[in-house]
Amino acid sequence: MMIATVTDYAMPLIEIERMARAIHGLCLERKYGQARELTTHLGVETRILQATLALLEEKEKAFANPQELQAQ
């Protein structure tokens, strides 16, 4: 039995938005060290989103040109 894998950009994007709001709040409170620490995690989520979008783009190409997928 084949199990389908769902690739979704929403969760990483929601996490990026949440972190950005948290960083903004910390900056307003002048807690720059804590804000800077969160930027590392923000970068990780951004890379996850980049990878997710690349996968989605490849899936779109595969559905648009199924012959290319078979040739590989």
PDB file of N, CA and C in Angstrom:
ATOM      1  N   MET A   1       0.847  -1.181   0.000  1.00  0.00           N
ATOM      2  CA  MET A   1       0.000   0.000   0.000  1.00  0.00           C
ATOM      3  C   MET A   1       0.893   1.245   0.000  1.00  0.00           C
ATOM      4  N   MET A   2       0.573   2.187  -0.858  1.00  0.00           N
ATOM      5  CA  MET A   2       1.342   3.422  -0.960  1.00  0.00           C
ATOM      6  C   MET A   2       0.765   4.474  -0.013  1.00  0.00           C
ATOM      7  N   ILE A   3       1.640   5.126   0.731  1.00  0.00           N
ATOM      8  CA  ILE A   3       1.214   6.175   1.648  1.00  0.00           C
ATOM      9  C   ILE A   3       1.558   7.529   1.022  1.00  0.00           C
ATOM     10  N   ALA A   4       0.568   8.402   0.928  1.00  0.00           N
ATOM     11  CA  ALA A   4       0.783   9.725   0.337  1.00  0.00           C
ATOM     12  C   ALA A   4       1.448  10.648   1.354  1.00  0.00           C
ATOM     13  N   THR A   5       2.393  11.438   0.880  1.00  0.00           N
ATOM     14  CA  THR A   5       3.050  12.430   1.715  1.00  0.00           C
ATOM     15  C   THR A   5       2.540  13.801   1.319  1.00  0.00           C
ATOM     16  N   VAL A   6       2.086  14.550   2.292  1.00  0.00           N
ATOM     17  CA  VAL A   6       1.568  15.879   2.023  1.00  0.00           C
ATOM     18  C   VAL A   6       2.661  16.891   2.369  1.00  0.00           C
ATOM     19  N   THR A   7       3.012  17.713   1.402  1.00  0.00           N
ATOM     20  CA  THR A   7       3.979  18.777   1.619  1.00  0.00           C
ATOM     21  C   THR A   7       3.205  20.082   1.678  1.00  0.00           C
ATOM     22  N   ASP A   8       3.344  20.798   2.782  1.00  0.00           N
ATOM     23  CA  ASP A   8       2.558  22.001   2.980  1.00  0.00           C
ATOM     24  C   ASP A   8       3.466  23.134   3.439  1.00  0.00           C
ATOM     25  N   TYR A   9       3.325  24.283   2.823  1.00  0.00           N
ATOM     26  CA  TYR A   9       4.141  25.434   3.176  1.00  0.00           C
ATOM     27  C   TYR A   9       3.562  26.204   4.363  1.00  0.00           C
ATOM     28  N   ALA A  10       2.320  25.942   4.738  1.00  0.00           N
ATOM     29  CA  ALA A  10       1.636  26.759   5.735  1.00  0.00           C
ATOM     30  C   ALA A  10       2.291  26.696   7.119  1.00  0.00           C
ATOM     31  N   MET A  11       2.640  25.520   7.581  1.00  0.00           N
ATOM     32  CA  MET A  11       3.182  25.412   8.936  1.00  0.00           C
ATOM     33  C   MET A  11       4.508  26.157   9.097  1.00  0.00           C
ATOM     34  N   PRO A  12       5.483  25.981   8.193  1.00  0.00           N
ATOM     35  CA  PRO A  12       6.701  26.769   8.363  1.00  0.00           C
ATOM     36  C   PRO A  12       6.438  28.273   8.264  1.00  0.00           C
ATOM     37  N   LEU A  13       5.527  28.665   7.391  1.00  0.00           N
ATOM     38  CA  LEU A  13       5.229  30.084   7.233  1.00  0.00           C
ATOM     39  C   LEU A  13       4.556  30.644   8.487  1.00  0.00           C
ATOM     40  N   ILE A  14       3.655  29.891   9.076  1.00  0.00           N
ATOM     41  CA  ILE A  14       3.004  30.317  10.319  1.00  0.00           C
ATOM     42  C   ILE A  14       4.046  30.470  11.421  1.00  0.00           C
ATOM     43  N   GLU A  15       4.987  29.546  11.484  1.00  0.00           N
ATOM     44  CA  GLU A  15       6.037  29.608  12.503  1.00  0.00           C
ATOM     45  C   GLU A  15       6.935  30.833  12.280  1.00  0.00           C
ATOM     46  N   ILE A  16       7.249  31.136  11.029  1.00  0.00           N
ATOM     47  CA  ILE A  16       8.046  32.326  10.707  1.00  0.00           C
ATOM     48  C   ILE A  16       7.307  33.586  11.151  1.00  0.00           C
ATOM     49  N   GLU A  17       6.030  33.657  10.864  1.00  0.00           N
ATOM     50  CA  GLU A  17       5.234  34.821  11.260  1.00  0.00           C
ATOM     51  C   GLU A  17       5.187  34.962  12.778  1.00  0.00           C
ATOM     52  N   ARG A  18       5.018  33.838  13.476  1.00  0.00           N
ATOM     53  CA  ARG A  18       4.974  33.868  14.940  1.00  0.00           C
ATOM     54  C   ARG A  18       6.300  34.366  15.501  1.00  0.00           C
ATOM     55  N   MET A  19       7.392  33.842  14.975  1.00  0.00           N
ATOM     56  CA  MET A  19       8.712  34.253  15.448  1.00  0.00           C
ATOM     57  C   MET A  19       8.990  35.717  15.141  1.00  0.00           C
ATOM     58  N   ALA A  20       8.589  36.174  13.978  1.00  0.00           N
ATOM     59  CA  ALA A  20       8.794  37.578  13.616  1.00  0.00           C
ATOM     60  C   ALA A  20       8.047  38.495  14.588  1.00  0.00           C
ATOM     61  N   ARG A  21       6.829  38.112  14.949  1.00  0.00           N
ATOM     62  CA  ARG A  21       6.075  38.912  15.925  1.00  0.00           C
ATOM     63  C   ARG A  21       6.766  38.904  17.279  1.00  0.00           C
ATOM     64  N   ALA A  22       7.288  37.740  17.680  1.00  0.00           N
ATOM     65  CA  ALA A  22       7.984  37.638  18.956  1.00  0.00           C
ATOM     66  C   ALA A  22       9.250  38.497  18.958  1.00  0.00           C
ATOM     67  N   ILE A  23       9.995  38.456  17.864  1.00  0.00           N
ATOM     68  CA  ILE A  23      11.209  39.275  17.748  1.00  0.00           C
ATOM     69  C   ILE A  23      10.844  40.754  17.814  1.00  0.00           C
ATOM     70  N   HIS A  24       9.802  41.147  17.127  1.00  0.00           N
ATOM     71  CA  HIS A  24       9.355  42.534  17.148  1.00  0.00           C
ATOM     72  C   HIS A  24       9.001  42.966  18.568  1.00  0.00           C
ATOM     73  N   GLY A  25       8.260  42.118  19.258  1.00  0.00           N
ATOM     74  CA  GLY A  25       7.894  42.432  20.642  1.00  0.00           C
ATOM     75  C   GLY A  25       9.109  42.583  21.541  1.00  0.00           C
ATOM     76  N   LEU A  26      10.071  41.694  21.392  1.00  0.00           N
ATOM     77  CA  LEU A  26      11.287  41.781  22.195  1.00  0.00           C
ATOM     78  C   LEU A  26      12.068  43.054  21.882  1.00  0.00           C
ATOM     79  N   CYS A  27      12.114  43.435  20.630  1.00  0.00           N
ATOM     80  CA  CYS A  27      12.803  44.681  20.255  1.00  0.00           C
ATOM     81  C   CYS A  27      12.105  45.893  20.868  1.00  0.00           C
ATOM     82  N   LEU A  28      10.782  45.883  20.856  1.00  0.00           N
ATOM     83  CA  LEU A  28      10.042  46.996  21.464  1.00  0.00           C
ATOM     84  C   LEU A  28      10.329  47.090  22.958  1.00  0.00           C
ATOM     85  N   GLU A  29      10.592  45.942  23.579  1.00  0.00           N
ATOM     86  CA  GLU A  29      10.926  45.907  25.006  1.00  0.00           C
ATOM     87  C   GLU A  29      12.425  46.116  25.251  1.00  0.00           C
ATOM     88  N   ARG A  30      13.162  46.364  24.160  1.00  0.00           N
ATOM     89  CA  ARG A  30      14.615  46.570  24.201  1.00  0.00           C
ATOM     90  C   ARG A  30      15.362  45.342  24.733  1.00  0.00           C
ATOM     91  N   LYS A  31      14.832  44.167  24.452  1.00  0.00           N
ATOM     92  CA  LYS A  31      15.474  42.905  24.831  1.00  0.00           C
ATOM     93  C   LYS A  31      16.179  42.348  23.589  1.00  0.00           C
ATOM     94  N   TYR A  32      17.194  43.074  23.169  1.00  0.00           N
ATOM     95  CA  TYR A  32      17.855  42.785  21.904  1.00  0.00           C
ATOM     96  C   TYR A  32      18.586  41.447  21.910  1.00  0.00           C
ATOM     97  N   GLY A  33      19.152  41.052  23.028  1.00  0.00           N
ATOM     98  CA  GLY A  33      19.845  39.768  23.105  1.00  0.00           C
ATOM     99  C   GLY A  33      18.900  38.604  22.866  1.00  0.00           C
ATOM    100  N   GLN A  34      17.733  38.663  23.494  1.00  0.00           N
ATOM    101  CA  GLN A  34      16.731  37.609  23.302  1.00  0.00           C
ATOM    102  C   GLN A  34      16.215  37.621  21.864  1.00  0.00           C
ATOM    103  N   ALA A  35      16.028  38.813  21.323  1.00  0.00           N
ATOM    104  CA  ALA A  35      15.558  38.923  19.939  1.00  0.00           C
ATOM    105  C   ALA A  35      16.596  38.329  18.988  1.00  0.00           C
ATOM    106  N   ARG A  36      17.866  38.634  19.225  1.00  0.00           N
ATOM    107  CA  ARG A  36      18.932  38.110  18.370  1.00  0.00           C
ATOM    108  C   ARG A  36      18.979  36.592  18.434  1.00  0.00           C
ATOM    109  N   GLU A  37      18.754  36.044  19.611  1.00  0.00           N
ATOM    110  CA  GLU A  37      18.742  34.585  19.767  1.00  0.00           C
ATOM    111  C   GLU A  37      17.628  33.951  18.940  1.00  0.00           C
ATOM    112  N   LEU A  38      16.477  34.589  18.911  1.00  0.00           N
ATOM    113  CA  LEU A  38      15.355  34.051  18.130  1.00  0.00           C
ATOM    114  C   LEU A  38      15.621  34.104  16.634  1.00  0.00           C
ATOM    115  N   THR A  39      16.473  35.045  16.189  1.00  0.00           N
ATOM    116  CA  THR A  39      16.737  35.135  14.759  1.00  0.00           C
ATOM    117  C   THR A  39      17.402  33.879  14.219  1.00  0.00           C
ATOM    118  N   THR A  40      18.159  33.175  15.057  1.00  0.00           N
ATOM    119  CA  THR A  40      18.759  31.905  14.634  1.00  0.00           C
ATOM    120  C   THR A  40      17.658  30.901  14.305  1.00  0.00           C
ATOM    121  N   HIS A  41      16.663  30.819  15.166  1.00  0.00           N
ATOM    122  CA  HIS A  41      15.544  29.901  14.937  1.00  0.00           C
ATOM    123  C   HIS A  41      14.725  30.347  13.729  1.00  0.00           C
ATOM    124  N   LEU A  42      14.611  31.653  13.551  1.00  0.00           N
ATOM    125  CA  LEU A  42      13.899  32.189  12.399  1.00  0.00           C
ATOM    126  C   LEU A  42      14.593  31.770  11.101  1.00  0.00           C
ATOM    127  N   GLY A  43      15.916  31.794  11.111  1.00  0.00           N
ATOM    128  CA  GLY A  43      16.676  31.359   9.937  1.00  0.00           C
ATOM    129  C   GLY A  43      16.450  29.896   9.617  1.00  0.00           C
ATOM    130  N   VAL A  44      16.374  29.065  10.649  1.00  0.00           N
ATOM    131  CA  VAL A  44      16.118  27.637  10.446  1.00  0.00           C
ATOM    132  C   VAL A  44      14.750  27.435   9.813  1.00  0.00           C
ATOM    133  N   GLU A  45      13.739  28.115  10.333  1.00  0.00           N
ATOM    134  CA  GLU A  45      12.394  27.992   9.768  1.00  0.00           C
ATOM    135  C   GLU A  45      12.351  28.489   8.331  1.00  0.00           C
ATOM    136  N   THR A  46      13.124  29.518   8.049  1.00  0.00           N
ATOM    137  CA  THR A  46      13.182  30.041   6.680  1.00  0.00           C
ATOM    138  C   THR A  46      13.763  28.996   5.739  1.00  0.00           C
ATOM    139  N   ARG A  47      14.809  28.302   6.166  1.00  0.00           N
ATOM    140  CA  ARG A  47      15.400  27.250   5.328  1.00  0.00           C
ATOM    141  C   ARG A  47      14.429  26.087   5.135  1.00  0.00           C
ATOM    142  N   ILE A  48      13.663  25.774   6.169  1.00  0.00           N
ATOM    143  CA  ILE A  48      12.638  24.721   6.042  1.00  0.00           C
ATOM    144  C   ILE A  48      11.608  25.141   5.002  1.00  0.00           C
ATOM    145  N   LEU A  49      11.181  26.408   5.057  1.00  0.00           N
ATOM    146  CA  LEU A  49      10.212  26.910   4.083  1.00  0.00           C
ATOM    147  C   LEU A  49      10.793  26.879   2.671  1.00  0.00           C
ATOM    148  N   GLN A  50      12.059  27.264   2.522  1.00  0.00           N
ATOM    149  CA  GLN A  50      12.696  27.228   1.200  1.00  0.00           C
ATOM    150  C   GLN A  50      12.691  25.812   0.628  1.00  0.00           C
ATOM    151  N   ALA A  51      13.035  24.837   1.468  1.00  0.00           N
ATOM    152  CA  ALA A  51      13.059  23.441   1.013  1.00  0.00           C
ATOM    153  C   ALA A  51      11.656  22.959   0.657  1.00  0.00           C
ATOM    154  N   THR A  52      10.687  23.338   1.457  1.00  0.00           N
ATOM    155  CA  THR A  52       9.300  22.952   1.194  1.00  0.00           C
ATOM    156  C   THR A  52       8.814  23.528  -0.124  1.00  0.00           C
ATOM    157  N   LEU A  53       9.125  24.798  -0.365  1.00  0.00           N
ATOM    158  CA  LEU A  53       8.708  25.431  -1.618  1.00  0.00           C
ATOM    159  C   LEU A  53       9.399  24.799  -2.818  1.00  0.00           C
ATOM    160  N   ALA A  54      10.648  24.407  -2.658  1.00  0.00           N
ATOM    161  CA  ALA A  54      11.357  23.731  -3.752  1.00  0.00           C
ATOM    162  C   ALA A  54      10.688  22.399  -4.071  1.00  0.00           C
ATOM    163  N   LEU A  55      10.289  21.653  -3.037  1.00  0.00           N
ATOM    164  CA  LEU A  55       9.580  20.386  -3.253  1.00  0.00           C
ATOM    165  C   LEU A  55       8.251  20.611  -3.967  1.00  0.00           C
ATOM    166  N   LEU A  56       7.527  21.623  -3.533  1.00  0.00           N
ATOM    167  CA  LEU A  56       6.249  21.922  -4.173  1.00  0.00           C
ATOM    168  C   LEU A  56       6.443  22.322  -5.630  1.00  0.00           C
ATOM    169  N   GLU A  57       7.490  23.086  -5.903  1.00  0.00           N
ATOM    170  CA  GLU A  57       7.772  23.490  -7.279  1.00  0.00           C
ATOM    171  C   GLU A  57       8.092  22.276  -8.148  1.00  0.00           C
ATOM    172  N   GLU A  58       8.865  21.340  -7.620  1.00  0.00           N
ATOM    173  CA  GLU A  58       9.193  20.117  -8.358  1.00  0.00           C
ATOM    174  C   GLU A  58       7.938  19.288  -8.615  1.00  0.00           C
ATOM    175  N   LYS A  59       7.054  19.214  -7.631  1.00  0.00           N
ATOM    176  CA  LYS A  59       5.797  18.480  -7.820  1.00  0.00           C
ATOM    177  C   LYS A  59       4.961  19.123  -8.920  1.00  0.00           C
ATOM    178  N   GLU A  60       4.906  20.447  -8.926  1.00  0.00           N
ATOM    179  CA  GLU A  60       4.156  21.154  -9.973  1.00  0.00           C
ATOM    180  C   GLU A  60       4.726  20.833 -11.352  1.00  0.00           C
ATOM    181  N   LYS A  61       6.044  20.852 -11.469  1.00  0.00           N
ATOM    182  CA  LYS A  61       6.684  20.536 -12.745  1.00  0.00           C
ATOM    183  C   LYS A  61       6.378  19.106 -13.169  1.00  0.00           C
ATOM    184  N   ALA A  62       6.384  18.197 -12.204  1.00  0.00           N
ATOM    185  CA  ALA A  62       6.119  16.793 -12.515  1.00  0.00           C
ATOM    186  C   ALA A  62       4.691  16.601 -13.014  1.00  0.00           C
ATOM    187  N   PHE A  63       3.743  17.301 -12.401  1.00  0.00           N
ATOM    188  CA  PHE A  63       2.357  17.184 -12.841  1.00  0.00           C
ATOM    189  C   PHE A  63       2.142  17.871 -14.173  1.00  0.00           C
ATOM    190  N   ALA A  64       2.890  18.935 -14.438  1.00  0.00           N
ATOM    191  CA  ALA A  64       2.746  19.658 -15.701  1.00  0.00           C
ATOM    192  C   ALA A  64       3.365  18.878 -16.856  1.00  0.00           C
ATOM    193  N   ASN A  65       4.460  18.157 -16.575  1.00  0.00           N
ATOM    194  CA  ASN A  65       5.180  17.408 -17.605  1.00  0.00           C
ATOM    195  C   ASN A  65       5.464  15.984 -17.127  1.00  0.00           C
ATOM    196  N   PRO A  66       4.478  15.117 -17.090  1.00  0.00           N
ATOM    197  CA  PRO A  66       4.697  13.754 -16.596  1.00  0.00           C
ATOM    198  C   PRO A  66       5.698  12.975 -17.436  1.00  0.00           C
ATOM    199  N   GLN A  67       5.893  13.330 -18.702  1.00  0.00           N
ATOM    200  CA  GLN A  67       6.860  12.634 -19.556  1.00  0.00           C
ATOM    201  C   GLN A  67       8.282  12.852 -19.033  1.00  0.00           C
ATOM    202  N   GLU A  68       8.582  14.064 -18.560  1.00  0.00           N
ATOM    203  CA  GLU A  68       9.905  14.354 -18.035  1.00  0.00           C
ATOM    204  C   GLU A  68      10.204  13.497 -16.817  1.00  0.00           C
ATOM    205  N   LEU A  69       9.231  13.289 -15.964  1.00  0.00           N
ATOM    206  CA  LEU A  69       9.404  12.481 -14.765  1.00  0.00           C
ATOM    207  C   LEU A  69       9.726  11.043 -15.135  1.00  0.00           C
ATOM    208  N   GLN A  70       9.070  10.506 -16.163  1.00  0.00           N
ATOM    209  CA  GLN A  70       9.325   9.132 -16.591  1.00  0.00           C
ATOM    210  C   GLN A  70      10.705   9.003 -17.228  1.00  0.00           C
ATOM    211  N   ALA A  71      11.194  10.039 -17.879  1.00  0.00           N
ATOM    212  CA  ALA A  71      12.499   9.985 -18.553  1.00  0.00           C
ATOM    213  C   ALA A  71      13.643   9.948 -17.545  1.00  0.00           C
ATOM    214  N   GLN A  72      13.410  10.439 -16.327  1.00  0.00           N
ATOM    215  CA  GLN A  72      14.482  10.471 -15.331  1.00  0.00           C
ATOM    216  C   GLN A  72      14.618   9.147 -14.722  1.00  0.00           C
TER     217      GLN A  72
END
